[in-house]
Amino acid sequence: MSSTAIEYEKLKATLKTSQEVTAGQMFGKSCLKVNGKAFVSLHNDRLVFKLTGEHHKKALSLDNAALWDPSGTGRPMKEWVALPVEEAQHFTELAAEALAYVKRSR
């Protein structure tokens, strides 16, 4: 298991303590969902977070951050930020912000 997958599993264990959070699939990738909507995903050895506002801006400013392009065809998803495992110290905070954002946008 890659170190990014290990970080994803840690987030899953932490966040699934809430009955609202479930594990699932999005575009064939492992993800965490709330109310049926994804907020964190694991893709190509990166963790991906659905963010907005200042949290989105902060995540994009991290080293090697990029907008997520799940198809790899140059069409990134504007709210989703993909981060390498080297930014793992930010994953818990970003996951919490992503969860809060998706819960608010019902």
PDB file of N, CA and C in Angstrom:
ATOM      1  N   MET A   1       0.857  -1.179   0.000  1.00  0.00           N
ATOM      2  CA  MET A   1       0.000   0.000   0.000  1.00  0.00           C
ATOM      3  C   MET A   1       0.901   1.239   0.000  1.00  0.00           C
ATOM      4  N   SER A   2       0.571   2.199  -0.859  1.00  0.00           N
ATOM      5  CA  SER A   2       1.383   3.414  -0.942  1.00  0.00           C
ATOM      6  C   SER A   2       1.191   4.275   0.304  1.00  0.00           C
ATOM      7  N   SER A   3       2.125   5.182   0.524  1.00  0.00           N
ATOM      8  CA  SER A   3       2.010   6.071   1.683  1.00  0.00           C
ATOM      9  C   SER A   3       0.792   6.986   1.558  1.00  0.00           C
ATOM     10  N   THR A   4       0.400   7.349   0.341  1.00  0.00           N
ATOM     11  CA  THR A   4      -0.810   8.162   0.152  1.00  0.00           C
ATOM     12  C   THR A   4      -2.051   7.351   0.508  1.00  0.00           C
ATOM     13  N   ALA A   5      -2.071   6.088   0.117  1.00  0.00           N
ATOM     14  CA  ALA A   5      -3.205   5.223   0.463  1.00  0.00           C
ATOM     15  C   ALA A   5      -3.297   5.043   1.976  1.00  0.00           C
ATOM     16  N   ILE A   6      -2.173   4.962   2.633  1.00  0.00           N
ATOM     17  CA  ILE A   6      -2.163   4.857   4.105  1.00  0.00           C
ATOM     18  C   ILE A   6      -2.766   6.119   4.714  1.00  0.00           C
ATOM     19  N   GLU A   7      -2.400   7.280   4.184  1.00  0.00           N
ATOM     20  CA  GLU A   7      -2.970   8.546   4.684  1.00  0.00           C
ATOM     21  C   GLU A   7      -4.478   8.600   4.432  1.00  0.00           C
ATOM     22  N   TYR A   8      -4.911   8.111   3.288  1.00  0.00           N
ATOM     23  CA  TYR A   8      -6.349   8.047   2.991  1.00  0.00           C
ATOM     24  C   TYR A   8      -7.058   7.147   4.008  1.00  0.00           C
ATOM     25  N   GLU A   9      -6.476   5.999   4.297  1.00  0.00           N
ATOM     26  CA  GLU A   9      -7.081   5.072   5.259  1.00  0.00           C
ATOM     27  C   GLU A   9      -7.155   5.706   6.651  1.00  0.00           C
ATOM     28  N   LYS A  10      -6.154   6.487   7.022  1.00  0.00           N
ATOM     29  CA  LYS A  10      -6.190   7.188   8.313  1.00  0.00           C
ATOM     30  C   LYS A  10      -7.360   8.173   8.347  1.00  0.00           C
ATOM     31  N   LEU A  11      -7.515   8.945   7.261  1.00  0.00           N
ATOM     32  CA  LEU A  11      -8.638   9.886   7.192  1.00  0.00           C
ATOM     33  C   LEU A  11      -9.968   9.138   7.259  1.00  0.00           C
ATOM     34  N   LYS A  12     -10.050   8.053   6.537  1.00  0.00           N
ATOM     35  CA  LYS A  12     -11.286   7.265   6.521  1.00  0.00           C
ATOM     36  C   LYS A  12     -11.621   6.776   7.926  1.00  0.00           C
ATOM     37  N   ALA A  13     -10.647   6.269   8.634  1.00  0.00           N
ATOM     38  CA  ALA A  13     -10.872   5.776   9.996  1.00  0.00           C
ATOM     39  C   ALA A  13     -11.313   6.900  10.925  1.00  0.00           C
ATOM     40  N   THR A  14     -10.713   8.057  10.770  1.00  0.00           N
ATOM     41  CA  THR A  14     -11.055   9.204  11.611  1.00  0.00           C
ATOM     42  C   THR A  14     -12.441   9.747  11.291  1.00  0.00           C
ATOM     43  N   LEU A  15     -12.725   9.936  10.015  1.00  0.00           N
ATOM     44  CA  LEU A  15     -13.964  10.600   9.610  1.00  0.00           C
ATOM     45  C   LEU A  15     -15.184   9.683   9.625  1.00  0.00           C
ATOM     46  N   LYS A  16     -14.976   8.388   9.487  1.00  0.00           N
ATOM     47  CA  LYS A  16     -16.119   7.476   9.489  1.00  0.00           C
ATOM     48  C   LYS A  16     -16.683   7.240  10.883  1.00  0.00           C
ATOM     49  N   THR A  17     -16.125   7.892  11.891  1.00  0.00           N
ATOM     50  CA  THR A  17     -16.718   7.800  13.225  1.00  0.00           C
ATOM     51  C   THR A  17     -18.063   8.523  13.235  1.00  0.00           C
ATOM     52  N   SER A  18     -18.250   9.452  12.316  1.00  0.00           N
ATOM     53  CA  SER A  18     -19.543  10.116  12.125  1.00  0.00           C
ATOM     54  C   SER A  18     -20.399   9.224  11.236  1.00  0.00           C
ATOM     55  N   GLN A  19     -21.637   8.990  11.616  1.00  0.00           N
ATOM     56  CA  GLN A  19     -22.516   8.140  10.818  1.00  0.00           C
ATOM     57  C   GLN A  19     -22.856   8.777   9.475  1.00  0.00           C
ATOM     58  N   GLU A  20     -22.633  10.074   9.336  1.00  0.00           N
ATOM     59  CA  GLU A  20     -22.907  10.759   8.080  1.00  0.00           C
ATOM     60  C   GLU A  20     -21.890  10.423   6.997  1.00  0.00           C
ATOM     61  N   VAL A  21     -20.674  10.084   7.379  1.00  0.00           N
ATOM     62  CA  VAL A  21     -19.589   9.860   6.430  1.00  0.00           C
ATOM     63  C   VAL A  21     -19.548   8.384   6.031  1.00  0.00           C
ATOM     64  N   THR A  22     -19.516   8.166   4.712  1.00  0.00           N
ATOM     65  CA  THR A  22     -19.429   6.805   4.183  1.00  0.00           C
ATOM     66  C   THR A  22     -18.278   6.719   3.184  1.00  0.00           C
ATOM     67  N   ALA A  23     -17.782   5.524   2.993  1.00  0.00           N
ATOM     68  CA  ALA A  23     -16.763   5.283   1.975  1.00  0.00           C
ATOM     69  C   ALA A  23     -17.470   4.805   0.716  1.00  0.00           C
ATOM     70  N   GLY A  24     -16.951   5.195  -0.423  1.00  0.00           N
ATOM     71  CA  GLY A  24     -17.564   4.781  -1.678  1.00  0.00           C
ATOM     72  C   GLY A  24     -16.614   4.958  -2.839  1.00  0.00           C
ATOM     73  N   GLN A  25     -17.193   5.117  -4.011  1.00  0.00           N
ATOM     74  CA  GLN A  25     -16.435   5.289  -5.242  1.00  0.00           C
ATOM     75  C   GLN A  25     -16.943   6.520  -5.992  1.00  0.00           C
ATOM     76  N   MET A  26     -16.021   7.211  -6.659  1.00  0.00           N
ATOM     77  CA  MET A  26     -16.352   8.315  -7.541  1.00  0.00           C
ATOM     78  C   MET A  26     -15.410   8.198  -8.734  1.00  0.00           C
ATOM     79  N   PHE A  27     -15.946   8.096  -9.934  1.00  0.00           N
ATOM     80  CA  PHE A  27     -15.134   7.899 -11.137  1.00  0.00           C
ATOM     81  C   PHE A  27     -14.221   6.683 -10.982  1.00  0.00           C
ATOM     82  N   GLY A  28     -14.674   5.674 -10.230  1.00  0.00           N
ATOM     83  CA  GLY A  28     -13.891   4.476 -10.014  1.00  0.00           C
ATOM     84  C   GLY A  28     -12.774   4.619  -8.999  1.00  0.00           C
ATOM     85  N   LYS A  29     -12.730   5.761  -8.306  1.00  0.00           N
ATOM     86  CA  LYS A  29     -11.706   6.001  -7.295  1.00  0.00           C
ATOM     87  C   LYS A  29     -12.318   5.936  -5.906  1.00  0.00           C
ATOM     88  N   SER A  30     -11.533   5.504  -4.937  1.00  0.00           N
ATOM     89  CA  SER A  30     -11.999   5.486  -3.551  1.00  0.00           C
ATOM     90  C   SER A  30     -12.277   6.903  -3.095  1.00  0.00           C
ATOM     91  N   CYS A  31     -13.377   7.076  -2.361  1.00  0.00           N
ATOM     92  CA  CYS A  31     -13.692   8.408  -1.859  1.00  0.00           C
ATOM     93  C   CYS A  31     -14.468   8.314  -0.552  1.00  0.00           C
ATOM     94  N   LEU A  32     -14.555   9.457   0.112  1.00  0.00           N
ATOM     95  CA  LEU A  32     -15.385   9.613   1.297  1.00  0.00           C
ATOM     96  C   LEU A  32     -16.531  10.536   0.921  1.00  0.00           C
ATOM     97  N   LYS A  33     -17.725  10.200   1.408  1.00  0.00           N
ATOM     98  CA  LYS A  33     -18.919  10.957   1.054  1.00  0.00           C
ATOM     99  C   LYS A  33     -19.687  11.364   2.300  1.00  0.00           C
ATOM    100  N   VAL A  34     -20.444  12.439   2.152  1.00  0.00           N
ATOM    101  CA  VAL A  34     -21.403  12.851   3.156  1.00  0.00           C
ATOM    102  C   VAL A  34     -22.692  13.164   2.403  1.00  0.00           C
ATOM    103  N   ASN A  35     -23.790  12.631   2.890  1.00  0.00           N
ATOM    104  CA  ASN A  35     -25.077  12.799   2.212  1.00  0.00           C
ATOM    105  C   ASN A  35     -24.993  12.409   0.738  1.00  0.00           C
ATOM    106  N   GLY A  36     -24.205  11.379   0.447  1.00  0.00           N
ATOM    107  CA  GLY A  36     -24.082  10.879  -0.917  1.00  0.00           C
ATOM    108  C   GLY A  36     -23.175  11.681  -1.830  1.00  0.00           C
ATOM    109  N   LYS A  37     -22.531  12.732  -1.304  1.00  0.00           N
ATOM    110  CA  LYS A  37     -21.665  13.578  -2.120  1.00  0.00           C
ATOM    111  C   LYS A  37     -20.216  13.457  -1.657  1.00  0.00           C
ATOM    112  N   ALA A  38     -19.319  13.278  -2.602  1.00  0.00           N
ATOM    113  CA  ALA A  38     -17.901  13.095  -2.292  1.00  0.00           C
ATOM    114  C   ALA A  38     -17.263  14.394  -1.823  1.00  0.00           C
ATOM    115  N   PHE A  39     -16.311  14.255  -0.882  1.00  0.00           N
ATOM    116  CA  PHE A  39     -15.555  15.418  -0.421  1.00  0.00           C
ATOM    117  C   PHE A  39     -14.047  15.151  -0.351  1.00  0.00           C
ATOM    118  N   VAL A  40     -13.627  13.893  -0.348  1.00  0.00           N
ATOM    119  CA  VAL A  40     -12.216  13.498  -0.389  1.00  0.00           C
ATOM    120  C   VAL A  40     -12.116  12.280  -1.293  1.00  0.00           C
ATOM    121  N   SER A  41     -11.049  12.228  -2.088  1.00  0.00           N
ATOM    122  CA  SER A  41     -10.836  11.068  -2.949  1.00  0.00           C
ATOM    123  C   SER A  41      -9.351  10.731  -2.996  1.00  0.00           C
ATOM    124  N   LEU A  42      -9.066   9.484  -3.337  1.00  0.00           N
ATOM    125  CA  LEU A  42      -7.701   8.998  -3.536  1.00  0.00           C
ATOM    126  C   LEU A  42      -7.542   8.726  -5.023  1.00  0.00           C
ATOM    127  N   HIS A  43      -6.565   9.381  -5.657  1.00  0.00           N
ATOM    128  CA  HIS A  43      -6.376   9.205  -7.096  1.00  0.00           C
ATOM    129  C   HIS A  43      -4.908   9.380  -7.462  1.00  0.00           C
ATOM    130  N   ASN A  44      -4.364   8.401  -8.160  1.00  0.00           N
ATOM    131  CA  ASN A  44      -2.983   8.460  -8.655  1.00  0.00           C
ATOM    132  C   ASN A  44      -1.976   8.932  -7.606  1.00  0.00           C
ATOM    133  N   ASP A  45      -2.022   8.324  -6.456  1.00  0.00           N
ATOM    134  CA  ASP A  45      -1.080   8.617  -5.373  1.00  0.00           C
ATOM    135  C   ASP A  45      -1.159  10.063  -4.883  1.00  0.00           C
ATOM    136  N   ARG A  46      -2.367  10.624  -4.954  1.00  0.00           N
ATOM    137  CA  ARG A  46      -2.642  11.957  -4.404  1.00  0.00           C
ATOM    138  C   ARG A  46      -3.966  11.898  -3.669  1.00  0.00           C
ATOM    139  N   LEU A  47      -4.091  12.731  -2.665  1.00  0.00           N
ATOM    140  CA  LEU A  47      -5.393  12.905  -2.029  1.00  0.00           C
ATOM    141  C   LEU A  47      -6.007  14.160  -2.610  1.00  0.00           C
ATOM    142  N   VAL A  48      -7.302  14.100  -2.827  1.00  0.00           N
ATOM    143  CA  VAL A  48      -8.016  15.162  -3.513  1.00  0.00           C
ATOM    144  C   VAL A  48      -9.140  15.656  -2.600  1.00  0.00           C
ATOM    145  N   PHE A  49      -9.260  16.984  -2.469  1.00  0.00           N
ATOM    146  CA  PHE A  49     -10.209  17.596  -1.537  1.00  0.00           C
ATOM    147  C   PHE A  49     -11.106  18.583  -2.276  1.00  0.00           C
ATOM    148  N   LYS A  50     -12.404  18.531  -1.989  1.00  0.00           N
ATOM    149  CA  LYS A  50     -13.346  19.493  -2.569  1.00  0.00           C
ATOM    150  C   LYS A  50     -13.427  20.694  -1.625  1.00  0.00           C
ATOM    151  N   LEU A  51     -12.953  21.842  -2.122  1.00  0.00           N
ATOM    152  CA  LEU A  51     -12.821  23.020  -1.265  1.00  0.00           C
ATOM    153  C   LEU A  51     -13.336  24.269  -1.969  1.00  0.00           C
ATOM    154  N   THR A  52     -13.521  25.309  -1.179  1.00  0.00           N
ATOM    155  CA  THR A  52     -13.948  26.601  -1.705  1.00  0.00           C
ATOM    156  C   THR A  52     -13.279  27.718  -0.916  1.00  0.00           C
ATOM    157  N   GLY A  53     -13.350  28.924  -1.442  1.00  0.00           N
ATOM    158  CA  GLY A  53     -12.884  30.107  -0.727  1.00  0.00           C
ATOM    159  C   GLY A  53     -11.421  30.055  -0.325  1.00  0.00           C
ATOM    160  N   GLU A  54     -11.163  30.557   0.880  1.00  0.00           N
ATOM    161  CA  GLU A  54      -9.794  30.639   1.390  1.00  0.00           C
ATOM    162  C   GLU A  54      -9.139  29.274   1.553  1.00  0.00           C
ATOM    163  N   HIS A  55      -9.929  28.266   1.897  1.00  0.00           N
ATOM    164  CA  HIS A  55      -9.364  26.922   2.066  1.00  0.00           C
ATOM    165  C   HIS A  55      -8.868  26.382   0.721  1.00  0.00           C
ATOM    166  N   HIS A  56      -9.623  26.645  -0.331  1.00  0.00           N
ATOM    167  CA  HIS A  56      -9.228  26.249  -1.682  1.00  0.00           C
ATOM    168  C   HIS A  56      -7.943  26.967  -2.078  1.00  0.00           C
ATOM    169  N   LYS A  57      -7.900  28.258  -1.833  1.00  0.00           N
ATOM    170  CA  LYS A  57      -6.726  29.082  -2.158  1.00  0.00           C
ATOM    171  C   LYS A  57      -5.493  28.598  -1.401  1.00  0.00           C
ATOM    172  N   LYS A  58      -5.668  28.305  -0.102  1.00  0.00           N
ATOM    173  CA  LYS A  58      -4.562  27.825   0.722  1.00  0.00           C
ATOM    174  C   LYS A  58      -4.049  26.480   0.207  1.00  0.00           C
ATOM    175  N   ALA A  59      -4.966  25.569  -0.111  1.00  0.00           N
ATOM    176  CA  ALA A  59      -4.563  24.247  -0.599  1.00  0.00           C
ATOM    177  C   ALA A  59      -3.793  24.368  -1.912  1.00  0.00           C
ATOM    178  N   LEU A  60      -4.255  25.221  -2.815  1.00  0.00           N
ATOM    179  CA  LEU A  60      -3.569  25.389  -4.096  1.00  0.00           C
ATOM    180  C   LEU A  60      -2.188  26.023  -3.946  1.00  0.00           C
ATOM    181  N   SER A  61      -1.963  26.719  -2.840  1.00  0.00           N
ATOM    182  CA  SER A  61      -0.659  27.356  -2.629  1.00  0.00           C
ATOM    183  C   SER A  61       0.392  26.382  -2.099  1.00  0.00           C
ATOM    184  N   LEU A  62      -0.020  25.177  -1.715  1.00  0.00           N
ATOM    185  CA  LEU A  62       0.924  24.192  -1.186  1.00  0.00           C
ATOM    186  C   LEU A  62       1.790  23.623  -2.316  1.00  0.00           C
ATOM    187  N   ASP A  63       2.969  23.130  -1.953  1.00  0.00           N
ATOM    188  CA  ASP A  63       3.891  22.571  -2.945  1.00  0.00           C
ATOM    189  C   ASP A  63       3.241  21.437  -3.732  1.00  0.00           C
ATOM    190  N   ASN A  64       3.398  21.485  -5.040  1.00  0.00           N
ATOM    191  CA  ASN A  64       2.911  20.448  -5.965  1.00  0.00           C
ATOM    192  C   ASN A  64       1.408  20.255  -5.951  1.00  0.00           C
ATOM    193  N   ALA A  65       0.665  21.260  -5.479  1.00  0.00           N
ATOM    194  CA  ALA A  65      -0.800  21.200  -5.528  1.00  0.00           C
ATOM    195  C   ALA A  65      -1.257  21.486  -6.951  1.00  0.00           C
ATOM    196  N   ALA A  66      -2.386  20.912  -7.325  1.00  0.00           N
ATOM    197  CA  ALA A  66      -2.949  21.146  -8.656  1.00  0.00           C
ATOM    198  C   ALA A  66      -4.451  20.929  -8.601  1.00  0.00           C
ATOM    199  N   LEU A  67      -5.148  21.586  -9.511  1.00  0.00           N
ATOM    200  CA  LEU A  67      -6.567  21.266  -9.662  1.00  0.00           C
ATOM    201  C   LEU A  67      -6.648  19.834 -10.175  1.00  0.00           C
ATOM    202  N   TRP A  68      -7.643  19.114  -9.709  1.00  0.00           N
ATOM    203  CA  TRP A  68      -7.787  17.694 -10.044  1.00  0.00           C
ATOM    204  C   TRP A  68      -8.382  17.519 -11.426  1.00  0.00           C
ATOM    205  N   ASP A  69      -7.715  16.743 -12.239  1.00  0.00           N
ATOM    206  CA  ASP A  69      -8.171  16.397 -13.583  1.00  0.00           C
ATOM    207  C   ASP A  69      -8.324  14.874 -13.637  1.00  0.00           C
ATOM    208  N   PRO A  70      -9.459  14.348 -13.143  1.00  0.00           N
ATOM    209  CA  PRO A  70      -9.583  12.892 -13.033  1.00  0.00           C
ATOM    210  C   PRO A  70      -9.504  12.157 -14.369  1.00  0.00           C
ATOM    211  N   SER A  71      -9.882  12.809 -15.455  1.00  0.00           N
ATOM    212  CA  SER A  71      -9.838  12.149 -16.760  1.00  0.00           C
ATOM    213  C   SER A  71      -8.459  12.235 -17.402  1.00  0.00           C
ATOM    214  N   GLY A  72      -7.621  13.180 -16.917  1.00  0.00           N
ATOM    215  CA  GLY A  72      -6.298  13.358 -17.497  1.00  0.00           C
ATOM    216  C   GLY A  72      -6.326  13.982 -18.883  1.00  0.00           C
ATOM    217  N   THR A  73      -7.427  14.646 -19.206  1.00  0.00           N
ATOM    218  CA  THR A  73      -7.581  15.223 -20.545  1.00  0.00           C
ATOM    219  C   THR A  73      -7.535  16.741 -20.559  1.00  0.00           C
ATOM    220  N   GLY A  74      -6.990  17.335 -19.495  1.00  0.00           N
ATOM    221  CA  GLY A  74      -6.879  18.783 -19.464  1.00  0.00           C
ATOM    222  C   GLY A  74      -8.173  19.502 -19.097  1.00  0.00           C
ATOM    223  N   ARG A  75      -9.053  18.801 -18.401  1.00  0.00           N
ATOM    224  CA  ARG A  75     -10.313  19.407 -17.956  1.00  0.00           C
ATOM    225  C   ARG A  75     -10.424  19.273 -16.435  1.00  0.00           C
ATOM    226  N   PRO A  76      -9.654  20.078 -15.688  1.00  0.00           N
ATOM    227  CA  PRO A  76      -9.682  19.954 -14.227  1.00  0.00           C
ATOM    228  C   PRO A  76     -11.012  20.406 -13.638  1.00  0.00           C
ATOM    229  N   MET A  77     -11.305  19.871 -12.489  1.00  0.00           N
ATOM    230  CA  MET A  77     -12.507  20.224 -11.747  1.00  0.00           C
ATOM    231  C   MET A  77     -12.133  21.378 -10.817  1.00  0.00           C
ATOM    232  N   LYS A  78     -12.796  22.514 -10.977  1.00  0.00           N
ATOM    233  CA  LYS A  78     -12.360  23.756 -10.338  1.00  0.00           C
ATOM    234  C   LYS A  78     -12.382  23.745  -8.820  1.00  0.00           C
ATOM    235  N   GLU A  79     -13.229  22.954  -8.192  1.00  0.00           N
ATOM    236  CA  GLU A  79     -13.290  22.950  -6.726  1.00  0.00           C
ATOM    237  C   GLU A  79     -12.368  21.926  -6.083  1.00  0.00           C
ATOM    238  N   TRP A  80     -11.822  21.031  -6.860  1.00  0.00           N
ATOM    239  CA  TRP A  80     -11.051  19.914  -6.319  1.00  0.00           C
ATOM    240  C   TRP A  80      -9.548  20.169  -6.424  1.00  0.00           C
ATOM    241  N   VAL A  81      -8.847  20.026  -5.283  1.00  0.00           N
ATOM    242  CA  VAL A  81      -7.401  20.234  -5.225  1.00  0.00           C
ATOM    243  C   VAL A  81      -6.729  18.899  -4.894  1.00  0.00           C
ATOM    244  N   ALA A  82      -5.765  18.517  -5.737  1.00  0.00           N
ATOM    245  CA  ALA A  82      -5.011  17.274  -5.558  1.00  0.00           C
ATOM    246  C   ALA A  82      -3.662  17.596  -4.917  1.00  0.00           C
ATOM    247  N   LEU A  83      -3.323  16.821  -3.881  1.00  0.00           N
ATOM    248  CA  LEU A  83      -2.084  17.056  -3.140  1.00  0.00           C
ATOM    249  C   LEU A  83      -1.285  15.763  -2.972  1.00  0.00           C
ATOM    250  N   PRO A  84       0.042  15.886  -3.041  1.00  0.00           N
ATOM    251  CA  PRO A  84       0.896  14.717  -2.808  1.00  0.00           C
ATOM    252  C   PRO A  84       1.021  14.417  -1.317  1.00  0.00           C
ATOM    253  N   VAL A  85       1.513  13.249  -1.001  1.00  0.00           N
ATOM    254  CA  VAL A  85       1.655  12.812   0.390  1.00  0.00           C
ATOM    255  C   VAL A  85       2.598  13.713   1.183  1.00  0.00           C
ATOM    256  N   GLU A  86       3.489  14.418   0.505  1.00  0.00           N
ATOM    257  CA  GLU A  86       4.405  15.321   1.209  1.00  0.00           C
ATOM    258  C   GLU A  86       3.653  16.422   1.950  1.00  0.00           C
ATOM    259  N   GLU A  87       2.407  16.632   1.614  1.00  0.00           N
ATOM    260  CA  GLU A  87       1.578  17.639   2.286  1.00  0.00           C
ATOM    261  C   GLU A  87       0.636  17.005   3.312  1.00  0.00           C
ATOM    262  N   ALA A  88       0.962  15.807   3.761  1.00  0.00           N
ATOM    263  CA  ALA A  88       0.086  15.053   4.675  1.00  0.00           C
ATOM    264  C   ALA A  88      -0.237  15.794   5.965  1.00  0.00           C
ATOM    265  N   GLN A  89       0.636  16.680   6.403  1.00  0.00           N
ATOM    266  CA  GLN A  89       0.363  17.423   7.631  1.00  0.00           C
ATOM    267  C   GLN A  89      -0.883  18.297   7.489  1.00  0.00           C
ATOM    268  N   HIS A  90      -1.337  18.553   6.265  1.00  0.00           N
ATOM    269  CA  HIS A  90      -2.519  19.382   6.021  1.00  0.00           C
ATOM    270  C   HIS A  90      -3.785  18.555   5.758  1.00  0.00           C
ATOM    271  N   PHE A  91      -3.640  17.249   5.587  1.00  0.00           N
ATOM    272  CA  PHE A  91      -4.763  16.424   5.139  1.00  0.00           C
ATOM    273  C   PHE A  91      -5.954  16.438   6.096  1.00  0.00           C
ATOM    274  N   THR A  92      -5.720  16.315   7.387  1.00  0.00           N
ATOM    275  CA  THR A  92      -6.838  16.272   8.343  1.00  0.00           C
ATOM    276  C   THR A  92      -7.622  17.580   8.319  1.00  0.00           C
ATOM    277  N   GLU A  93      -6.909  18.692   8.332  1.00  0.00           N
ATOM    278  CA  GLU A  93      -7.569  19.998   8.294  1.00  0.00           C
ATOM    279  C   GLU A  93      -8.349  20.187   6.992  1.00  0.00           C
ATOM    280  N   LEU A  94      -7.737  19.842   5.871  1.00  0.00           N
ATOM    281  CA  LEU A  94      -8.406  20.006   4.580  1.00  0.00           C
ATOM    282  C   LEU A  94      -9.610  19.081   4.448  1.00  0.00           C
ATOM    283  N   ALA A  95      -9.499  17.871   4.968  1.00  0.00           N
ATOM    284  CA  ALA A  95     -10.633  16.949   4.932  1.00  0.00           C
ATOM    285  C   ALA A  95     -11.797  17.490   5.759  1.00  0.00           C
ATOM    286  N   ALA A  96     -11.497  18.059   6.920  1.00  0.00           N
ATOM    287  CA  ALA A  96     -12.544  18.648   7.762  1.00  0.00           C
ATOM    288  C   ALA A  96     -13.214  19.821   7.047  1.00  0.00           C
ATOM    289  N   GLU A  97     -12.418  20.641   6.374  1.00  0.00           N
ATOM    290  CA  GLU A  97     -12.977  21.776   5.628  1.00  0.00           C
ATOM    291  C   GLU A  97     -13.807  21.294   4.443  1.00  0.00           C
ATOM    292  N   ALA A  98     -13.321  20.264   3.754  1.00  0.00           N
ATOM    293  CA  ALA A  98     -14.063  19.704   2.622  1.00  0.00           C
ATOM    294  C   ALA A  98     -15.387  19.111   3.096  1.00  0.00           C
ATOM    295  N   LEU A  99     -15.365  18.404   4.205  1.00  0.00           N
ATOM    296  CA  LEU A  99     -16.582  17.834   4.778  1.00  0.00           C
ATOM    297  C   LEU A  99     -17.579  18.939   5.117  1.00  0.00           C
ATOM    298  N   ALA A 100     -17.116  19.977   5.783  1.00  0.00           N
ATOM    299  CA  ALA A 100     -18.001  21.089   6.152  1.00  0.00           C
ATOM    300  C   ALA A 100     -18.573  21.766   4.913  1.00  0.00           C
ATOM    301  N   TYR A 101     -17.752  21.958   3.904  1.00  0.00           N
ATOM    302  CA  TYR A 101     -18.207  22.604   2.661  1.00  0.00           C
ATOM    303  C   TYR A 101     -19.302  21.787   1.984  1.00  0.00           C
ATOM    304  N   VAL A 102     -19.077  20.497   1.833  1.00  0.00           N
ATOM    305  CA  VAL A 102     -20.063  19.652   1.149  1.00  0.00           C
ATOM    306  C   VAL A 102     -21.342  19.536   1.970  1.00  0.00           C
ATOM    307  N   LYS A 103     -21.233  19.492   3.290  1.00  0.00           N
ATOM    308  CA  LYS A 103     -22.430  19.455   4.148  1.00  0.00           C
ATOM    309  C   LYS A 103     -23.254  20.726   3.987  1.00  0.00           C
ATOM    310  N   ARG A 104     -22.574  21.880   3.864  1.00  0.00           N
ATOM    311  CA  ARG A 104     -23.290  23.164   3.702  1.00  0.00           C
ATOM    312  C   ARG A 104     -23.958  23.272   2.340  1.00  0.00           C
ATOM    313  N   SER A 105     -23.404  22.648   1.337  1.00  0.00           N
ATOM    314  CA  SER A 105     -23.897  22.841  -0.036  1.00  0.00           C
ATOM    315  C   SER A 105     -24.935  21.790  -0.456  1.00  0.00           C
ATOM    316  N   ARG A 106     -25.690  21.315   0.456  1.00  0.00           N
ATOM    317  CA  ARG A 106     -26.724  20.304   0.190  1.00  0.00           C
ATOM    318  C   ARG A 106     -27.703  20.796  -0.791  1.00  0.00           C
TER     319      ARG A 106
END
